[in-house]
Amino acid sequence: LPFLQATGTDQVVGLGLVAVSLIIFTYYTAWVILLPFIDSQHVIHKYFLPRAYAVAIPLAAGLLLLLFVVRLFITYVMLKNQKVTKKAQ
């Protein structure tokens, strides 16, 4: 199907999203898994946030995503209910 093929712009955006995801994954992995084994006085620690944020940031992101999905669901149900009510009248 020709309309399902990705254009050049789609490919660039997809590559950008993959690159950003890889950077975030690498940073988070180094922060959470490797950093505890490095001496706390080492200079590399200044490039990372305090360890408490390693739990707080994903928790906040997950909560925001959950709230967004719930809000989207409520909006969908309300709009669908309006259409049914208009048809009944």
PDB file of N, CA and C in Angstrom:
ATOM      1  N   LEU A   1       0.835  -1.182   0.000  1.00  0.00           N
ATOM      2  CA  LEU A   1       0.000   0.000   0.000  1.00  0.00           C
ATOM      3  C   LEU A   1       0.879   1.244   0.000  1.00  0.00           C
ATOM      4  N   PRO A   2       0.788   2.066  -1.000  1.00  0.00           N
ATOM      5  CA  PRO A   2       1.687   3.227  -1.111  1.00  0.00           C
ATOM      6  C   PRO A   2       1.464   4.278  -0.025  1.00  0.00           C
ATOM      7  N   PHE A   3       0.251   4.402   0.492  1.00  0.00           N
ATOM      8  CA  PHE A   3       0.001   5.438   1.504  1.00  0.00           C
ATOM      9  C   PHE A   3       0.564   5.064   2.875  1.00  0.00           C
ATOM     10  N   LEU A   4       1.021   3.840   3.054  1.00  0.00           N
ATOM     11  CA  LEU A   4       1.584   3.427   4.332  1.00  0.00           C
ATOM     12  C   LEU A   4       3.101   3.555   4.370  1.00  0.00           C
ATOM     13  N   GLN A   5       3.715   3.956   3.268  1.00  0.00           N
ATOM     14  CA  GLN A   5       5.167   4.081   3.228  1.00  0.00           C
ATOM     15  C   GLN A   5       5.601   5.376   3.898  1.00  0.00           C
ATOM     16  N   ALA A   6       6.699   5.294   4.601  1.00  0.00           N
ATOM     17  CA  ALA A   6       7.216   6.462   5.316  1.00  0.00           C
ATOM     18  C   ALA A   6       7.899   7.417   4.334  1.00  0.00           C
ATOM     19  N   THR A   7       7.626   8.696   4.502  1.00  0.00           N
ATOM     20  CA  THR A   7       8.291   9.706   3.692  1.00  0.00           C
ATOM     21  C   THR A   7       9.653  10.019   4.305  1.00  0.00           C
ATOM     22  N   GLY A   8      10.416  10.858   3.627  1.00  0.00           N
ATOM     23  CA  GLY A   8      11.724  11.253   4.152  1.00  0.00           C
ATOM     24  C   GLY A   8      11.614  11.943   5.499  1.00  0.00           C
ATOM     25  N   THR A   9      10.607  12.785   5.653  1.00  0.00           N
ATOM     26  CA  THR A   9      10.404  13.487   6.918  1.00  0.00           C
ATOM     27  C   THR A   9      10.072  12.505   8.031  1.00  0.00           C
ATOM     28  N   ASP A  10       9.227  11.520   7.731  1.00  0.00           N
ATOM     29  CA  ASP A  10       8.879  10.499   8.730  1.00  0.00           C
ATOM     30  C   ASP A  10      10.116   9.738   9.178  1.00  0.00           C
ATOM     31  N   GLN A  11      10.991   9.424   8.237  1.00  0.00           N
ATOM     32  CA  GLN A  11      12.198   8.680   8.564  1.00  0.00           C
ATOM     33  C   GLN A  11      13.143   9.505   9.424  1.00  0.00           C
ATOM     34  N   VAL A  12      13.264  10.796   9.122  1.00  0.00           N
ATOM     35  CA  VAL A  12      14.136  11.672   9.914  1.00  0.00           C
ATOM     36  C   VAL A  12      13.590  11.821  11.331  1.00  0.00           C
ATOM     37  N   VAL A  13      12.288  12.024  11.448  1.00  0.00           N
ATOM     38  CA  VAL A  13      11.671  12.139  12.775  1.00  0.00           C
ATOM     39  C   VAL A  13      11.835  10.833  13.543  1.00  0.00           C
ATOM     40  N   GLY A  14      11.626   9.704  12.884  1.00  0.00           N
ATOM     41  CA  GLY A  14      11.807   8.411  13.534  1.00  0.00           C
ATOM     42  C   GLY A  14      13.236   8.196  13.996  1.00  0.00           C
ATOM     43  N   LEU A  15      14.198   8.567  13.158  1.00  0.00           N
ATOM     44  CA  LEU A  15      15.602   8.447  13.535  1.00  0.00           C
ATOM     45  C   LEU A  15      15.924   9.350  14.722  1.00  0.00           C
ATOM     46  N   GLY A  16      15.370  10.548  14.727  1.00  0.00           N
ATOM     47  CA  GLY A  16      15.578  11.462  15.846  1.00  0.00           C
ATOM     48  C   GLY A  16      15.015  10.913  17.147  1.00  0.00           C
ATOM     49  N   LEU A  17      13.818  10.323  17.069  1.00  0.00           N
ATOM     50  CA  LEU A  17      13.203   9.733  18.266  1.00  0.00           C
ATOM     51  C   LEU A  17      14.016   8.550  18.786  1.00  0.00           C
ATOM     52  N   VAL A  18      14.522   7.732  17.876  1.00  0.00           N
ATOM     53  CA  VAL A  18      15.352   6.602  18.283  1.00  0.00           C
ATOM     54  C   VAL A  18      16.640   7.107  18.928  1.00  0.00           C
ATOM     55  N   ALA A  19      17.258   8.138  18.348  1.00  0.00           N
ATOM     56  CA  ALA A  19      18.502   8.685  18.888  1.00  0.00           C
ATOM     57  C   ALA A  19      18.281   9.260  20.289  1.00  0.00           C
ATOM     58  N   VAL A  20      17.212  10.031  20.467  1.00  0.00           N
ATOM     59  CA  VAL A  20      16.908  10.598  21.788  1.00  0.00           C
ATOM     60  C   VAL A  20      16.641   9.487  22.799  1.00  0.00           C
ATOM     61  N   SER A  21      15.917   8.460  22.390  1.00  0.00           N
ATOM     62  CA  SER A  21      15.638   7.337  23.288  1.00  0.00           C
ATOM     63  C   SER A  21      16.917   6.619  23.694  1.00  0.00           C
ATOM     64  N   LEU A  22      17.818   6.422  22.757  1.00  0.00           N
ATOM     65  CA  LEU A  22      19.091   5.771  23.075  1.00  0.00           C
ATOM     66  C   LEU A  22      19.935   6.612  24.029  1.00  0.00           C
ATOM     67  N   ILE A  23      19.943   7.915  23.827  1.00  0.00           N
ATOM     68  CA  ILE A  23      20.701   8.794  24.720  1.00  0.00           C
ATOM     69  C   ILE A  23      20.126   8.745  26.133  1.00  0.00           C
ATOM     70  N   ILE A  24      18.804   8.828  26.248  1.00  0.00           N
ATOM     71  CA  ILE A  24      18.165   8.781  27.567  1.00  0.00           C
ATOM     72  C   ILE A  24      18.408   7.426  28.227  1.00  0.00           C
ATOM     73  N   PHE A  25      18.290   6.351  27.464  1.00  0.00           N
ATOM     74  CA  PHE A  25      18.514   5.010  28.012  1.00  0.00           C
ATOM     75  C   PHE A  25      19.956   4.848  28.504  1.00  0.00           C
ATOM     76  N   THR A  26      20.901   5.321  27.720  1.00  0.00           N
ATOM     77  CA  THR A  26      22.311   5.218  28.106  1.00  0.00           C
ATOM     78  C   THR A  26      22.597   6.041  29.352  1.00  0.00           C
ATOM     79  N   TYR A  27      22.107   7.272  29.394  1.00  0.00           N
ATOM     80  CA  TYR A  27      22.304   8.142  30.556  1.00  0.00           C
ATOM     81  C   TYR A  27      21.702   7.509  31.810  1.00  0.00           C
ATOM     82  N   TYR A  28      20.444   7.031  31.706  1.00  0.00           N
ATOM     83  CA  TYR A  28      19.760   6.462  32.868  1.00  0.00           C
ATOM     84  C   TYR A  28      20.445   5.185  33.339  1.00  0.00           C
ATOM     85  N   THR A  29      20.887   4.356  32.388  1.00  0.00           N
ATOM     86  CA  THR A  29      21.579   3.124  32.753  1.00  0.00           C
ATOM     87  C   THR A  29      22.878   3.419  33.480  1.00  0.00           C
ATOM     88  N   ALA A  30      23.638   4.367  32.970  1.00  0.00           N
ATOM     89  CA  ALA A  30      24.889   4.741  33.642  1.00  0.00           C
ATOM     90  C   ALA A  30      24.604   5.326  35.018  1.00  0.00           C
ATOM     91  N   TRP A  31      23.577   6.129  35.114  1.00  0.00           N
ATOM     92  CA  TRP A  31      23.217   6.799  36.366  1.00  0.00           C
ATOM     93  C   TRP A  31      22.810   5.799  37.443  1.00  0.00           C
ATOM     94  N   VAL A  32      21.968   4.834  37.070  1.00  0.00           N
ATOM     95  CA  VAL A  32      21.392   3.930  38.049  1.00  0.00           C
ATOM     96  C   VAL A  32      22.260   2.694  38.297  1.00  0.00           C
ATOM     97  N   ILE A  33      22.893   2.168  37.257  1.00  0.00           N
ATOM     98  CA  ILE A  33      23.608   0.902  37.404  1.00  0.00           C
ATOM     99  C   ILE A  33      25.110   1.087  37.627  1.00  0.00           C
ATOM    100  N   LEU A  34      25.727   1.994  36.889  1.00  0.00           N
ATOM    101  CA  LEU A  34      27.182   2.128  36.973  1.00  0.00           C
ATOM    102  C   LEU A  34      27.648   3.107  38.054  1.00  0.00           C
ATOM    103  N   LEU A  35      26.939   4.195  38.230  1.00  0.00           N
ATOM    104  CA  LEU A  35      27.381   5.247  39.144  1.00  0.00           C
ATOM    105  C   LEU A  35      27.545   4.800  40.596  1.00  0.00           C
ATOM    106  N   PRO A  36      26.713   3.911  41.122  1.00  0.00           N
ATOM    107  CA  PRO A  36      26.927   3.480  42.516  1.00  0.00           C
ATOM    108  C   PRO A  36      28.271   2.779  42.751  1.00  0.00           C
ATOM    109  N   PHE A  37      28.889   2.255  41.701  1.00  0.00           N
ATOM    110  CA  PHE A  37      30.161   1.563  41.852  1.00  0.00           C
ATOM    111  C   PHE A  37      31.371   2.480  41.695  1.00  0.00           C
ATOM    112  N   ILE A  38      31.121   3.746  41.394  1.00  0.00           N
ATOM    113  CA  ILE A  38      32.203   4.726  41.223  1.00  0.00           C
ATOM    114  C   ILE A  38      32.296   5.553  42.498  1.00  0.00           C
ATOM    115  N   ASP A  39      33.500   5.845  42.918  1.00  0.00           N
ATOM    116  CA  ASP A  39      33.745   6.618  44.141  1.00  0.00           C
ATOM    117  C   ASP A  39      32.960   7.927  44.103  1.00  0.00           C
ATOM    118  N   SER A  40      32.331   8.273  45.219  1.00  0.00           N
ATOM    119  CA  SER A  40      31.465   9.464  45.259  1.00  0.00           C
ATOM    120  C   SER A  40      32.234  10.769  45.066  1.00  0.00           C
ATOM    121  N   GLN A  41      33.543  10.759  45.220  1.00  0.00           N
ATOM    122  CA  GLN A  41      34.349  11.969  45.026  1.00  0.00           C
ATOM    123  C   GLN A  41      34.819  12.125  43.577  1.00  0.00           C
ATOM    124  N   HIS A  42      34.519  11.154  42.733  1.00  0.00           N
ATOM    125  CA  HIS A  42      34.961  11.203  41.335  1.00  0.00           C
ATOM    126  C   HIS A  42      34.246  12.331  40.595  1.00  0.00           C
ATOM    127  N   VAL A  43      34.932  12.923  39.620  1.00  0.00           N
ATOM    128  CA  VAL A  43      34.419  14.076  38.882  1.00  0.00           C
ATOM    129  C   VAL A  43      33.171  13.738  38.054  1.00  0.00           C
ATOM    130  N   ILE A  44      32.970  12.480  37.701  1.00  0.00           N
ATOM    131  CA  ILE A  44      31.827  12.099  36.867  1.00  0.00           C
ATOM    132  C   ILE A  44      30.489  12.322  37.574  1.00  0.00           C
ATOM    133  N   HIS A  45      30.496  12.345  38.893  1.00  0.00           N
ATOM    134  CA  HIS A  45      29.250  12.522  39.652  1.00  0.00           C
ATOM    135  C   HIS A  45      28.619  13.898  39.426  1.00  0.00           C
ATOM    136  N   LYS A  46      29.393  14.872  39.010  1.00  0.00           N
ATOM    137  CA  LYS A  46      28.802  16.204  38.812  1.00  0.00           C
ATOM    138  C   LYS A  46      27.932  16.271  37.556  1.00  0.00           C
ATOM    139  N   TYR A  47      28.000  15.258  36.689  1.00  0.00           N
ATOM    140  CA  TYR A  47      27.197  15.228  35.463  1.00  0.00           C
ATOM    141  C   TYR A  47      25.862  14.519  35.651  1.00  0.00           C
ATOM    142  N   PHE A  48      25.591  14.025  36.849  1.00  0.00           N
ATOM    143  CA  PHE A  48      24.360  13.291  37.117  1.00  0.00           C
ATOM    144  C   PHE A  48      23.610  13.938  38.274  1.00  0.00           C
ATOM    145  N   LEU A  49      22.289  13.809  38.229  1.00  0.00           N
ATOM    146  CA  LEU A  49      21.440  14.305  39.316  1.00  0.00           C
ATOM    147  C   LEU A  49      21.606  13.409  40.542  1.00  0.00           C
ATOM    148  N   PRO A  50      21.153  13.868  41.709  1.00  0.00           N
ATOM    149  CA  PRO A  50      21.173  13.000  42.898  1.00  0.00           C
ATOM    150  C   PRO A  50      20.361  11.722  42.648  1.00  0.00           C
ATOM    151  N   ARG A  51      20.724  10.661  43.326  1.00  0.00           N
ATOM    152  CA  ARG A  51      20.140   9.347  43.079  1.00  0.00           C
ATOM    153  C   ARG A  51      18.648   9.291  43.393  1.00  0.00           C
ATOM    154  N   ALA A  52      18.150  10.145  44.269  1.00  0.00           N
ATOM    155  CA  ALA A  52      16.719  10.139  44.608  1.00  0.00           C
ATOM    156  C   ALA A  52      15.855  10.443  43.378  1.00  0.00           C
ATOM    157  N   TYR A  53      16.388  11.234  42.468  1.00  0.00           N
ATOM    158  CA  TYR A  53      15.648  11.561  41.250  1.00  0.00           C
ATOM    159  C   TYR A  53      15.533  10.368  40.306  1.00  0.00           C
ATOM    160  N   ALA A  54      16.372   9.357  40.481  1.00  0.00           N
ATOM    161  CA  ALA A  54      16.317   8.174  39.623  1.00  0.00           C
ATOM    162  C   ALA A  54      14.989   7.439  39.779  1.00  0.00           C
ATOM    163  N   VAL A  55      14.349   7.599  40.910  1.00  0.00           N
ATOM    164  CA  VAL A  55      13.032   7.001  41.129  1.00  0.00           C
ATOM    165  C   VAL A  55      11.941   8.043  40.892  1.00  0.00           C
ATOM    166  N   ALA A  56      12.183   9.275  41.316  1.00  0.00           N
ATOM    167  CA  ALA A  56      11.149  10.317  41.250  1.00  0.00           C
ATOM    168  C   ALA A  56      10.787  10.697  39.812  1.00  0.00           C
ATOM    169  N   ILE A  57      11.762  10.800  38.937  1.00  0.00           N
ATOM    170  CA  ILE A  57      11.492  11.231  37.562  1.00  0.00           C
ATOM    171  C   ILE A  57      10.651  10.196  36.801  1.00  0.00           C
ATOM    172  N   PRO A  58      11.032   8.908  36.783  1.00  0.00           N
ATOM    173  CA  PRO A  58      10.159   7.939  36.093  1.00  0.00           C
ATOM    174  C   PRO A  58       8.777   7.805  36.743  1.00  0.00           C
ATOM    175  N   LEU A  59       8.707   7.946  38.056  1.00  0.00           N
ATOM    176  CA  LEU A  59       7.422   7.884  38.739  1.00  0.00           C
ATOM    177  C   LEU A  59       6.529   9.045  38.302  1.00  0.00           C
ATOM    178  N   ALA A  60       7.083  10.246  38.261  1.00  0.00           N
ATOM    179  CA  ALA A  60       6.312  11.420  37.827  1.00  0.00           C
ATOM    180  C   ALA A  60       5.908  11.293  36.361  1.00  0.00           C
ATOM    181  N   ALA A  61       6.807  10.806  35.518  1.00  0.00           N
ATOM    182  CA  ALA A  61       6.483  10.636  34.098  1.00  0.00           C
ATOM    183  C   ALA A  61       5.375   9.599  33.920  1.00  0.00           C
ATOM    184  N   GLY A  62       5.447   8.515  34.662  1.00  0.00           N
ATOM    185  CA  GLY A  62       4.403   7.493  34.596  1.00  0.00           C
ATOM    186  C   GLY A  62       3.062   8.009  35.074  1.00  0.00           C
ATOM    187  N   LEU A  63       3.079   8.795  36.138  1.00  0.00           N
ATOM    188  CA  LEU A  63       1.843   9.383  36.654  1.00  0.00           C
ATOM    189  C   LEU A  63       1.228  10.347  35.642  1.00  0.00           C
ATOM    190  N   LEU A  64       2.061  11.185  35.026  1.00  0.00           N
ATOM    191  CA  LEU A  64       1.560  12.109  34.009  1.00  0.00           C
ATOM    192  C   LEU A  64       0.983  11.354  32.808  1.00  0.00           C
ATOM    193  N   LEU A  65       1.647  10.288  32.395  1.00  0.00           N
ATOM    194  CA  LEU A  65       1.143   9.482  31.286  1.00  0.00           C
ATOM    195  C   LEU A  65      -0.198   8.846  31.654  1.00  0.00           C
ATOM    196  N   LEU A  66      -0.300   8.316  32.860  1.00  0.00           N
ATOM    197  CA  LEU A  66      -1.556   7.718  33.314  1.00  0.00           C
ATOM    198  C   LEU A  66      -2.676   8.754  33.346  1.00  0.00           C
ATOM    199  N   LEU A  67      -2.384   9.942  33.870  1.00  0.00           N
ATOM    200  CA  LEU A  67      -3.394  11.006  33.913  1.00  0.00           C
ATOM    201  C   LEU A  67      -3.821  11.424  32.508  1.00  0.00           C
ATOM    202  N   PHE A  68      -2.878  11.475  31.587  1.00  0.00           N
ATOM    203  CA  PHE A  68      -3.191  11.832  30.196  1.00  0.00           C
ATOM    204  C   PHE A  68      -4.098  10.786  29.566  1.00  0.00           C
ATOM    205  N   VAL A  69      -3.798   9.510  29.771  1.00  0.00           N
ATOM    206  CA  VAL A  69      -4.612   8.439  29.184  1.00  0.00           C
ATOM    207  C   VAL A  69      -6.009   8.442  29.795  1.00  0.00           C
ATOM    208  N   VAL A  70      -6.113   8.649  31.095  1.00  0.00           N
ATOM    209  CA  VAL A  70      -7.424   8.700  31.749  1.00  0.00           C
ATOM    210  C   VAL A  70      -8.228   9.886  31.215  1.00  0.00           C
ATOM    211  N   ARG A  71      -7.577  11.036  31.083  1.00  0.00           N
ATOM    212  CA  ARG A  71      -8.262  12.230  30.559  1.00  0.00           C
ATOM    213  C   ARG A  71      -8.735  11.997  29.123  1.00  0.00           C
ATOM    214  N   LEU A  72      -7.907  11.352  28.323  1.00  0.00           N
ATOM    215  CA  LEU A  72      -8.275  11.034  26.947  1.00  0.00           C
ATOM    216  C   LEU A  72      -9.469  10.089  26.916  1.00  0.00           C
ATOM    217  N   PHE A  73      -9.482   9.091  27.783  1.00  0.00           N
ATOM    218  CA  PHE A  73     -10.596   8.142  27.856  1.00  0.00           C
ATOM    219  C   PHE A  73     -11.886   8.841  28.273  1.00  0.00           C
ATOM    220  N   ILE A  74     -11.802   9.689  29.282  1.00  0.00           N
ATOM    221  CA  ILE A  74     -12.997  10.410  29.749  1.00  0.00           C
ATOM    222  C   ILE A  74     -13.545  11.309  28.643  1.00  0.00           C
ATOM    223  N   THR A  75     -12.656  11.992  27.941  1.00  0.00           N
ATOM    224  CA  THR A  75     -13.089  12.853  26.830  1.00  0.00           C
ATOM    225  C   THR A  75     -13.764  12.034  25.745  1.00  0.00           C
ATOM    226  N   TYR A  76     -13.186  10.890  25.397  1.00  0.00           N
ATOM    227  CA  TYR A  76     -13.766  10.012  24.378  1.00  0.00           C
ATOM    228  C   TYR A  76     -15.157   9.543  24.791  1.00  0.00           C
ATOM    229  N   VAL A  77     -15.316   9.109  26.023  1.00  0.00           N
ATOM    230  CA  VAL A  77     -16.610   8.615  26.502  1.00  0.00           C
ATOM    231  C   VAL A  77     -17.638   9.740  26.507  1.00  0.00           C
ATOM    232  N   MET A  78     -17.248  10.927  26.927  1.00  0.00           N
ATOM    233  CA  MET A  78     -18.195  12.046  26.961  1.00  0.00           C
ATOM    234  C   MET A  78     -18.628  12.447  25.554  1.00  0.00           C
ATOM    235  N   LEU A  79     -17.694  12.482  24.609  1.00  0.00           N
ATOM    236  CA  LEU A  79     -18.063  12.832  23.236  1.00  0.00           C
ATOM    237  C   LEU A  79     -18.958  11.773  22.615  1.00  0.00           C
ATOM    238  N   LYS A  80     -18.667  10.509  22.875  1.00  0.00           N
ATOM    239  CA  LYS A  80     -19.491   9.432  22.356  1.00  0.00           C
ATOM    240  C   LYS A  80     -20.886   9.492  22.966  1.00  0.00           C
ATOM    241  N   ASN A  81     -20.973   9.827  24.247  1.00  0.00           N
ATOM    242  CA  ASN A  81     -22.258   9.941  24.922  1.00  0.00           C
ATOM    243  C   ASN A  81     -23.072  11.095  24.341  1.00  0.00           C
ATOM    244  N   GLN A  82     -22.415  12.181  23.986  1.00  0.00           N
ATOM    245  CA  GLN A  82     -23.116  13.324  23.373  1.00  0.00           C
ATOM    246  C   GLN A  82     -23.733  12.923  22.033  1.00  0.00           C
ATOM    247  N   LYS A  83     -23.014  12.157  21.229  1.00  0.00           N
ATOM    248  CA  LYS A  83     -23.517  11.736  19.933  1.00  0.00           C
ATOM    249  C   LYS A  83     -24.737  10.832  20.090  1.00  0.00           C
ATOM    250  N   VAL A  84     -24.705   9.940  21.071  1.00  0.00           N
ATOM    251  CA  VAL A  84     -25.827   9.047  21.323  1.00  0.00           C
ATOM    252  C   VAL A  84     -27.034   9.845  21.790  1.00  0.00           C
ATOM    253  N   THR A  85     -26.803  10.844  22.623  1.00  0.00           N
ATOM    254  CA  THR A  85     -27.899  11.686  23.128  1.00  0.00           C
ATOM    255  C   THR A  85     -28.523  12.498  21.989  1.00  0.00           C
ATOM    256  N   LYS A  86     -27.711  13.012  21.078  1.00  0.00           N
ATOM    257  CA  LYS A  86     -28.241  13.777  19.937  1.00  0.00           C
ATOM    258  C   LYS A  86     -29.063  12.885  19.012  1.00  0.00           C
ATOM    259  N   LYS A  87     -28.616  11.646  18.839  1.00  0.00           N
ATOM    260  CA  LYS A  87     -29.371  10.716  17.988  1.00  0.00           C
ATOM    261  C   LYS A  87     -30.717  10.378  18.608  1.00  0.00           C
ATOM    262  N   ALA A  88     -30.782  10.252  19.911  1.00  0.00           N
ATOM    263  CA  ALA A  88     -32.016   9.902  20.610  1.00  0.00           C
ATOM    264  C   ALA A  88     -33.051  11.006  20.520  1.00  0.00           C
ATOM    265  N   GLN A  89     -32.586  12.232  20.399  1.00  0.00           N
ATOM    266  CA  GLN A  89     -33.523  13.356  20.339  1.00  0.00           C
ATOM    267  C   GLN A  89     -33.996  13.483  18.957  1.00  0.00           C
TER     268      GLN A  89
END
